[in-house]
Amino acid sequence: MDPQALLDWLNVYMEAMAQLVMDHGGVVDNYIGNSIKADFGVPVRRTDEAAISRDAVAAVDWALAMERELKRLNAVWQQQSLPTV
């Protein structure tokens, strides 16, 4: 891929995954290469077990949503003859 096409392809992925973080109550902390570091349970520290548990469940739900979204993106990219992950 030429550099601009690669950036466009990566941006589609990163934007989709970052949106999923926010949709699941997380906060994007940092982008590291082609990965996203997300935090759940911030900016206010959770102290009770129920809240901590909800944050943990939200993080796992996000991971499962990422898997579904990646499958969807791969189908789109395959139709467009772009690389898949």
PDB file of N, CA and C in Angstrom:
ATOM      1  N   MET A   1       0.850  -1.185   0.000  1.00  0.00           N
ATOM      2  CA  MET A   1       0.000   0.000   0.000  1.00  0.00           C
ATOM      3  C   MET A   1       0.889   1.239   0.000  1.00  0.00           C
ATOM      4  N   ASP A   2       0.402   2.263  -0.641  1.00  0.00           N
ATOM      5  CA  ASP A   2       1.145   3.517  -0.551  1.00  0.00           C
ATOM      6  C   ASP A   2       0.877   4.119   0.828  1.00  0.00           C
ATOM      7  N   PRO A   3       1.732   5.026   1.280  1.00  0.00           N
ATOM      8  CA  PRO A   3       1.624   5.537   2.654  1.00  0.00           C
ATOM      9  C   PRO A   3       0.254   6.141   2.997  1.00  0.00           C
ATOM     10  N   GLN A   4      -0.322   6.907   2.090  1.00  0.00           N
ATOM     11  CA  GLN A   4      -1.618   7.528   2.392  1.00  0.00           C
ATOM     12  C   GLN A   4      -2.725   6.478   2.504  1.00  0.00           C
ATOM     13  N   ALA A   5      -2.704   5.473   1.642  1.00  0.00           N
ATOM     14  CA  ALA A   5      -3.709   4.404   1.723  1.00  0.00           C
ATOM     15  C   ALA A   5      -3.561   3.635   3.033  1.00  0.00           C
ATOM     16  N   LEU A   6      -2.327   3.407   3.461  1.00  0.00           N
ATOM     17  CA  LEU A   6      -2.097   2.717   4.726  1.00  0.00           C
ATOM     18  C   LEU A   6      -2.630   3.534   5.901  1.00  0.00           C
ATOM     19  N   LEU A   7      -2.356   4.828   5.900  1.00  0.00           N
ATOM     20  CA  LEU A   7      -2.865   5.697   6.968  1.00  0.00           C
ATOM     21  C   LEU A   7      -4.388   5.707   6.988  1.00  0.00           C
ATOM     22  N   ASP A   8      -4.998   5.787   5.821  1.00  0.00           N
ATOM     23  CA  ASP A   8      -6.460   5.774   5.746  1.00  0.00           C
ATOM     24  C   ASP A   8      -7.017   4.466   6.292  1.00  0.00           C
ATOM     25  N   TRP A   9      -6.396   3.354   5.922  1.00  0.00           N
ATOM     26  CA  TRP A   9      -6.818   2.032   6.372  1.00  0.00           C
ATOM     27  C   TRP A   9      -6.697   1.915   7.888  1.00  0.00           C
ATOM     28  N   LEU A  10      -5.554   2.346   8.436  1.00  0.00           N
ATOM     29  CA  LEU A  10      -5.347   2.313   9.883  1.00  0.00           C
ATOM     30  C   LEU A  10      -6.321   3.229  10.620  1.00  0.00           C
ATOM     31  N   ASN A  11      -6.594   4.395  10.045  1.00  0.00           N
ATOM     32  CA  ASN A  11      -7.514   5.330  10.692  1.00  0.00           C
ATOM     33  C   ASN A  11      -8.927   4.763  10.786  1.00  0.00           C
ATOM     34  N   VAL A  12      -9.355   4.029   9.784  1.00  0.00           N
ATOM     35  CA  VAL A  12     -10.677   3.391   9.845  1.00  0.00           C
ATOM     36  C   VAL A  12     -10.720   2.447  11.040  1.00  0.00           C
ATOM     37  N   TYR A  13      -9.679   1.640  11.185  1.00  0.00           N
ATOM     38  CA  TYR A  13      -9.593   0.696  12.302  1.00  0.00           C
ATOM     39  C   TYR A  13      -9.561   1.430  13.650  1.00  0.00           C
ATOM     40  N   MET A  14      -8.650   2.401  13.775  1.00  0.00           N
ATOM     41  CA  MET A  14      -8.479   3.089  15.056  1.00  0.00           C
ATOM     42  C   MET A  14      -9.732   3.860  15.456  1.00  0.00           C
ATOM     43  N   GLU A  15     -10.366   4.526  14.507  1.00  0.00           N
ATOM     44  CA  GLU A  15     -11.571   5.282  14.824  1.00  0.00           C
ATOM     45  C   GLU A  15     -12.692   4.352  15.280  1.00  0.00           C
ATOM     46  N   ALA A  16     -12.839   3.213  14.611  1.00  0.00           N
ATOM     47  CA  ALA A  16     -13.885   2.261  14.995  1.00  0.00           C
ATOM     48  C   ALA A  16     -13.641   1.724  16.399  1.00  0.00           C
ATOM     49  N   MET A  17     -12.405   1.346  16.701  1.00  0.00           N
ATOM     50  CA  MET A  17     -12.099   0.775  18.010  1.00  0.00           C
ATOM     51  C   MET A  17     -12.182   1.825  19.116  1.00  0.00           C
ATOM     52  N   ALA A  18     -11.738   3.047  18.845  1.00  0.00           N
ATOM     53  CA  ALA A  18     -11.827   4.115  19.840  1.00  0.00           C
ATOM     54  C   ALA A  18     -13.287   4.443  20.139  1.00  0.00           C
ATOM     55  N   GLN A  19     -14.123   4.419  19.129  1.00  0.00           N
ATOM     56  CA  GLN A  19     -15.547   4.673  19.353  1.00  0.00           C
ATOM     57  C   GLN A  19     -16.154   3.597  20.240  1.00  0.00           C
ATOM     58  N   LEU A  20     -15.729   2.357  20.032  1.00  0.00           N
ATOM     59  CA  LEU A  20     -16.222   1.268  20.873  1.00  0.00           C
ATOM     60  C   LEU A  20     -15.802   1.449  22.331  1.00  0.00           C
ATOM     61  N   VAL A  21     -14.592   1.966  22.558  1.00  0.00           N
ATOM     62  CA  VAL A  21     -14.150   2.243  23.934  1.00  0.00           C
ATOM     63  C   VAL A  21     -15.163   3.170  24.598  1.00  0.00           C
ATOM     64  N   MET A  22     -15.455   4.268  23.930  1.00  0.00           N
ATOM     65  CA  MET A  22     -16.364   5.258  24.500  1.00  0.00           C
ATOM     66  C   MET A  22     -17.778   4.700  24.637  1.00  0.00           C
ATOM     67  N   ASP A  23     -18.203   3.911  23.667  1.00  0.00           N
ATOM     68  CA  ASP A  23     -19.543   3.311  23.724  1.00  0.00           C
ATOM     69  C   ASP A  23     -19.700   2.384  24.929  1.00  0.00           C
ATOM     70  N   HIS A  24     -18.597   1.844  25.416  1.00  0.00           N
ATOM     71  CA  HIS A  24     -18.637   0.913  26.543  1.00  0.00           C
ATOM     72  C   HIS A  24     -18.200   1.560  27.864  1.00  0.00           C
ATOM     73  N   GLY A  25     -18.135   2.892  27.885  1.00  0.00           N
ATOM     74  CA  GLY A  25     -17.848   3.604  29.124  1.00  0.00           C
ATOM     75  C   GLY A  25     -16.388   3.740  29.466  1.00  0.00           C
ATOM     76  N   GLY A  26     -15.524   3.448  28.512  1.00  0.00           N
ATOM     77  CA  GLY A  26     -14.093   3.581  28.744  1.00  0.00           C
ATOM     78  C   GLY A  26     -13.558   4.903  28.229  1.00  0.00           C
ATOM     79  N   VAL A  27     -12.285   5.121  28.485  1.00  0.00           N
ATOM     80  CA  VAL A  27     -11.582   6.318  28.040  1.00  0.00           C
ATOM     81  C   VAL A  27     -10.320   5.876  27.319  1.00  0.00           C
ATOM     82  N   VAL A  28     -10.100   6.415  26.116  1.00  0.00           N
ATOM     83  CA  VAL A  28      -8.849   6.119  25.409  1.00  0.00           C
ATOM     84  C   VAL A  28      -7.731   6.847  26.144  1.00  0.00           C
ATOM     85  N   ASP A  29      -6.771   6.081  26.629  1.00  0.00           N
ATOM     86  CA  ASP A  29      -5.649   6.633  27.384  1.00  0.00           C
ATOM     87  C   ASP A  29      -4.509   6.991  26.442  1.00  0.00           C
ATOM     88  N   ASN A  30      -4.233   6.099  25.470  1.00  0.00           N
ATOM     89  CA  ASN A  30      -3.064   6.295  24.623  1.00  0.00           C
ATOM     90  C   ASN A  30      -3.174   5.414  23.388  1.00  0.00           C
ATOM     91  N   TYR A  31      -2.562   5.864  22.324  1.00  0.00           N
ATOM     92  CA  TYR A  31      -2.389   5.048  21.133  1.00  0.00           C
ATOM     93  C   TYR A  31      -0.923   4.637  21.087  1.00  0.00           C
ATOM     94  N   ILE A  32      -0.679   3.353  20.955  1.00  0.00           N
ATOM     95  CA  ILE A  32       0.686   2.835  20.935  1.00  0.00           C
ATOM     96  C   ILE A  32       0.834   2.029  19.649  1.00  0.00           C
ATOM     97  N   GLY A  33       1.486   2.607  18.661  1.00  0.00           N
ATOM     98  CA  GLY A  33       1.578   1.927  17.371  1.00  0.00           C
ATOM     99  C   GLY A  33       0.192   1.740  16.796  1.00  0.00           C
ATOM    100  N   ASN A  34      -0.174   0.494  16.566  1.00  0.00           N
ATOM    101  CA  ASN A  34      -1.503   0.217  16.020  1.00  0.00           C
ATOM    102  C   ASN A  34      -2.430  -0.346  17.102  1.00  0.00           C
ATOM    103  N   SER A  35      -2.154  -0.013  18.353  1.00  0.00           N
ATOM    104  CA  SER A  35      -3.003  -0.492  19.435  1.00  0.00           C
ATOM    105  C   SER A  35      -3.555   0.686  20.241  1.00  0.00           C
ATOM    106  N   ILE A  36      -4.566   0.380  21.036  1.00  0.00           N
ATOM    107  CA  ILE A  36      -5.227   1.393  21.846  1.00  0.00           C
ATOM    108  C   ILE A  36      -5.146   0.947  23.305  1.00  0.00           C
ATOM    109  N   LYS A  37      -4.707   1.850  24.169  1.00  0.00           N
ATOM    110  CA  LYS A  37      -4.747   1.589  25.613  1.00  0.00           C
ATOM    111  C   LYS A  37      -5.980   2.305  26.138  1.00  0.00           C
ATOM    112  N   ALA A  38      -6.896   1.519  26.693  1.00  0.00           N
ATOM    113  CA  ALA A  38      -8.137   2.074  27.214  1.00  0.00           C
ATOM    114  C   ALA A  38      -8.221   1.831  28.709  1.00  0.00           C
ATOM    115  N   ASP A  39      -8.830   2.776  29.405  1.00  0.00           N
ATOM    116  CA  ASP A  39      -9.035   2.651  30.844  1.00  0.00           C
ATOM    117  C   ASP A  39     -10.531   2.633  31.132  1.00  0.00           C
ATOM    118  N   PHE A  40     -10.905   1.792  32.079  1.00  0.00           N
ATOM    119  CA  PHE A  40     -12.270   1.751  32.567  1.00  0.00           C
ATOM    120  C   PHE A  40     -12.215   2.054  34.060  1.00  0.00           C
ATOM    121  N   GLY A  41     -13.235   2.735  34.559  1.00  0.00           N
ATOM    122  CA  GLY A  41     -13.250   3.105  35.970  1.00  0.00           C
ATOM    123  C   GLY A  41     -12.544   4.413  36.239  1.00  0.00           C
ATOM    124  N   VAL A  42     -12.468   5.253  35.240  1.00  0.00           N
ATOM    125  CA  VAL A  42     -11.853   6.571  35.392  1.00  0.00           C
ATOM    126  C   VAL A  42     -12.838   7.616  34.860  1.00  0.00           C
ATOM    127  N   PRO A  43     -12.737   8.846  35.176  1.00  0.00           N
ATOM    128  CA  PRO A  43     -11.654   9.514  35.886  1.00  0.00           C
ATOM    129  C   PRO A  43     -11.799   9.444  37.404  1.00  0.00           C
ATOM    130  N   VAL A  44     -12.944   9.005  37.895  1.00  0.00           N
ATOM    131  CA  VAL A  44     -13.141   8.896  39.336  1.00  0.00           C
ATOM    132  C   VAL A  44     -12.928   7.441  39.739  1.00  0.00           C
ATOM    133  N   ARG A  45     -11.998   7.232  40.669  1.00  0.00           N
ATOM    134  CA  ARG A  45     -11.687   5.881  41.119  1.00  0.00           C
ATOM    135  C   ARG A  45     -12.909   5.237  41.762  1.00  0.00           C
ATOM    136  N   ARG A  46     -13.198   4.005  41.365  1.00  0.00           N
ATOM    137  CA  ARG A  46     -14.313   3.263  41.937  1.00  0.00           C
ATOM    138  C   ARG A  46     -13.839   2.594  43.229  1.00  0.00           C
ATOM    139  N   THR A  47     -14.670   2.622  44.239  1.00  0.00           N
ATOM    140  CA  THR A  47     -14.275   2.034  45.515  1.00  0.00           C
ATOM    141  C   THR A  47     -15.180   0.892  45.961  1.00  0.00           C
ATOM    142  N   ASP A  48     -16.409   0.845  45.435  1.00  0.00           N
ATOM    143  CA  ASP A  48     -17.284  -0.244  45.872  1.00  0.00           C
ATOM    144  C   ASP A  48     -17.233  -1.394  44.859  1.00  0.00           C
ATOM    145  N   GLU A  49     -17.425  -2.589  45.365  1.00  0.00           N
ATOM    146  CA  GLU A  49     -17.298  -3.802  44.555  1.00  0.00           C
ATOM    147  C   GLU A  49     -18.226  -3.804  43.344  1.00  0.00           C
ATOM    148  N   ALA A  50     -19.439  -3.308  43.500  1.00  0.00           N
ATOM    149  CA  ALA A  50     -20.397  -3.312  42.390  1.00  0.00           C
ATOM    150  C   ALA A  50     -19.903  -2.440  41.234  1.00  0.00           C
ATOM    151  N   ALA A  51     -19.384  -1.265  41.536  1.00  0.00           N
ATOM    152  CA  ALA A  51     -18.881  -0.369  40.497  1.00  0.00           C
ATOM    153  C   ALA A  51     -17.637  -0.943  39.832  1.00  0.00           C
ATOM    154  N   ILE A  52     -16.759  -1.505  40.621  1.00  0.00           N
ATOM    155  CA  ILE A  52     -15.552  -2.127  40.074  1.00  0.00           C
ATOM    156  C   ILE A  52     -15.940  -3.279  39.155  1.00  0.00           C
ATOM    157  N   SER A  53     -16.908  -4.059  39.573  1.00  0.00           N
ATOM    158  CA  SER A  53     -17.381  -5.176  38.765  1.00  0.00           C
ATOM    159  C   SER A  53     -17.988  -4.688  37.449  1.00  0.00           C
ATOM    160  N   ARG A  54     -18.769  -3.612  37.495  1.00  0.00           N
ATOM    161  CA  ARG A  54     -19.369  -3.059  36.261  1.00  0.00           C
ATOM    162  C   ARG A  54     -18.286  -2.610  35.286  1.00  0.00           C
ATOM    163  N   ASP A  55     -17.233  -1.990  35.809  1.00  0.00           N
ATOM    164  CA  ASP A  55     -16.132  -1.562  34.941  1.00  0.00           C
ATOM    165  C   ASP A  55     -15.432  -2.759  34.308  1.00  0.00           C
ATOM    166  N   ALA A  56     -15.241  -3.814  35.089  1.00  0.00           N
ATOM    167  CA  ALA A  56     -14.596  -5.018  34.547  1.00  0.00           C
ATOM    168  C   ALA A  56     -15.452  -5.652  33.464  1.00  0.00           C
ATOM    169  N   VAL A  57     -16.742  -5.719  33.698  1.00  0.00           N
ATOM    170  CA  VAL A  57     -17.661  -6.277  32.696  1.00  0.00           C
ATOM    171  C   VAL A  57     -17.662  -5.404  31.445  1.00  0.00           C
ATOM    172  N   ALA A  58     -17.642  -4.083  31.613  1.00  0.00           N
ATOM    173  CA  ALA A  58     -17.618  -3.176  30.464  1.00  0.00           C
ATOM    174  C   ALA A  58     -16.358  -3.390  29.631  1.00  0.00           C
ATOM    175  N   ALA A  59     -15.225  -3.606  30.291  1.00  0.00           N
ATOM    176  CA  ALA A  59     -13.967  -3.841  29.566  1.00  0.00           C
ATOM    177  C   ALA A  59     -14.031  -5.141  28.764  1.00  0.00           C
ATOM    178  N   VAL A  60     -14.590  -6.180  29.352  1.00  0.00           N
ATOM    179  CA  VAL A  60     -14.723  -7.457  28.628  1.00  0.00           C
ATOM    180  C   VAL A  60     -15.716  -7.314  27.486  1.00  0.00           C
ATOM    181  N   ASP A  61     -16.829  -6.620  27.733  1.00  0.00           N
ATOM    182  CA  ASP A  61     -17.800  -6.386  26.664  1.00  0.00           C
ATOM    183  C   ASP A  61     -17.163  -5.624  25.506  1.00  0.00           C
ATOM    184  N   TRP A  62     -16.283  -4.675  25.848  1.00  0.00           N
ATOM    185  CA  TRP A  62     -15.575  -3.926  24.808  1.00  0.00           C
ATOM    186  C   TRP A  62     -14.705  -4.864  23.984  1.00  0.00           C
ATOM    187  N   ALA A  63     -13.985  -5.754  24.641  1.00  0.00           N
ATOM    188  CA  ALA A  63     -13.125  -6.695  23.915  1.00  0.00           C
ATOM    189  C   ALA A  63     -13.950  -7.563  22.964  1.00  0.00           C
ATOM    190  N   LEU A  64     -15.100  -8.013  23.409  1.00  0.00           N
ATOM    191  CA  LEU A  64     -15.966  -8.821  22.549  1.00  0.00           C
ATOM    192  C   LEU A  64     -16.521  -7.998  21.385  1.00  0.00           C
ATOM    193  N   ALA A  65     -16.843  -6.737  21.658  1.00  0.00           N
ATOM    194  CA  ALA A  65     -17.322  -5.848  20.597  1.00  0.00           C
ATOM    195  C   ALA A  65     -16.222  -5.577  19.576  1.00  0.00           C
ATOM    196  N   MET A  66     -14.982  -5.473  20.050  1.00  0.00           N
ATOM    197  CA  MET A  66     -13.854  -5.283  19.131  1.00  0.00           C
ATOM    198  C   MET A  66     -13.735  -6.469  18.179  1.00  0.00           C
ATOM    199  N   GLU A  67     -13.904  -7.662  18.715  1.00  0.00           N
ATOM    200  CA  GLU A  67     -13.825  -8.861  17.876  1.00  0.00           C
ATOM    201  C   GLU A  67     -14.901  -8.829  16.792  1.00  0.00           C
ATOM    202  N   ARG A  68     -16.123  -8.482  17.171  1.00  0.00           N
ATOM    203  CA  ARG A  68     -17.216  -8.408  16.189  1.00  0.00           C
ATOM    204  C   ARG A  68     -16.935  -7.335  15.134  1.00  0.00           C
ATOM    205  N   GLU A  69     -16.449  -6.179  15.600  1.00  0.00           N
ATOM    206  CA  GLU A  69     -16.176  -5.079  14.671  1.00  0.00           C
ATOM    207  C   GLU A  69     -15.038  -5.428  13.724  1.00  0.00           C
ATOM    208  N   LEU A  70     -14.030  -6.111  14.221  1.00  0.00           N
ATOM    209  CA  LEU A  70     -12.918  -6.497  13.354  1.00  0.00           C
ATOM    210  C   LEU A  70     -13.385  -7.472  12.279  1.00  0.00           C
ATOM    211  N   LYS A  71     -14.263  -8.382  12.633  1.00  0.00           N
ATOM    212  CA  LYS A  71     -14.822  -9.294  11.630  1.00  0.00           C
ATOM    213  C   LYS A  71     -15.589  -8.515  10.573  1.00  0.00           C
ATOM    214  N   ARG A  72     -16.362  -7.512  11.003  1.00  0.00           N
ATOM    215  CA  ARG A  72     -17.112  -6.687  10.059  1.00  0.00           C
ATOM    216  C   ARG A  72     -16.164  -5.900   9.155  1.00  0.00           C
ATOM    217  N   LEU A  73     -15.145  -5.275   9.764  1.00  0.00           N
ATOM    218  CA  LEU A  73     -14.178  -4.509   8.972  1.00  0.00           C
ATOM    219  C   LEU A  73     -13.453  -5.409   7.974  1.00  0.00           C
ATOM    220  N   ASN A  74     -13.064  -6.597   8.406  1.00  0.00           N
ATOM    221  CA  ASN A  74     -12.378  -7.520   7.497  1.00  0.00           C
ATOM    222  C   ASN A  74     -13.247  -7.871   6.297  1.00  0.00           C
ATOM    223  N   ALA A  75     -14.529  -8.050   6.503  1.00  0.00           N
ATOM    224  CA  ALA A  75     -15.435  -8.355   5.388  1.00  0.00           C
ATOM    225  C   ALA A  75     -15.488  -7.187   4.412  1.00  0.00           C
ATOM    226  N   VAL A  76     -15.561  -5.981   4.949  1.00  0.00           N
ATOM    227  CA  VAL A  76     -15.579  -4.783   4.099  1.00  0.00           C
ATOM    228  C   VAL A  76     -14.268  -4.665   3.337  1.00  0.00           C
ATOM    229  N   TRP A  77     -13.153  -4.822   4.043  1.00  0.00           N
ATOM    230  CA  TRP A  77     -11.844  -4.689   3.402  1.00  0.00           C
ATOM    231  C   TRP A  77     -11.633  -5.758   2.345  1.00  0.00           C
ATOM    232  N   GLN A  78     -12.103  -6.951   2.608  1.00  0.00           N
ATOM    233  CA  GLN A  78     -11.955  -8.024   1.624  1.00  0.00           C
ATOM    234  C   GLN A  78     -12.714  -7.673   0.344  1.00  0.00           C
ATOM    235  N   GLN A  79     -13.904  -7.123   0.484  1.00  0.00           N
ATOM    236  CA  GLN A  79     -14.687  -6.711  -0.679  1.00  0.00           C
ATOM    237  C   GLN A  79     -13.981  -5.594  -1.456  1.00  0.00           C
ATOM    238  N   GLN A  80     -13.209  -4.778  -0.744  1.00  0.00           N
ATOM    239  CA  GLN A  80     -12.490  -3.669  -1.368  1.00  0.00           C
ATOM    240  C   GLN A  80     -11.083  -4.054  -1.792  1.00  0.00           C
ATOM    241  N   SER A  81     -10.751  -5.342  -1.684  1.00  0.00           N
ATOM    242  CA  SER A  81      -9.408  -5.843  -1.991  1.00  0.00           C
ATOM    243  C   SER A  81      -8.316  -5.170  -1.170  1.00  0.00           C
ATOM    244  N   LEU A  82      -8.645  -4.864   0.079  1.00  0.00           N
ATOM    245  CA  LEU A  82      -7.672  -4.290   1.004  1.00  0.00           C
ATOM    246  C   LEU A  82      -7.205  -5.384   1.953  1.00  0.00           C
ATOM    247  N   PRO A  83      -6.069  -5.164   2.614  1.00  0.00           N
ATOM    248  CA  PRO A  83      -5.579  -6.164   3.573  1.00  0.00           C
ATOM    249  C   PRO A  83      -6.577  -6.369   4.711  1.00  0.00           C
ATOM    250  N   THR A  84      -6.585  -7.569   5.248  1.00  0.00           N
ATOM    251  CA  THR A  84      -7.403  -7.865   6.412  1.00  0.00           C
ATOM    252  C   THR A  84      -6.486  -8.166   7.589  1.00  0.00           C
ATOM    253  N   VAL A  85      -7.081  -8.165   8.777  1.00  0.00           N
ATOM    254  CA  VAL A  85      -6.311  -8.413   9.998  1.00  0.00           C
ATOM    255  C   VAL A  85      -6.753  -9.744  10.578  1.00  0.00           C
TER     256      VAL A  85
END
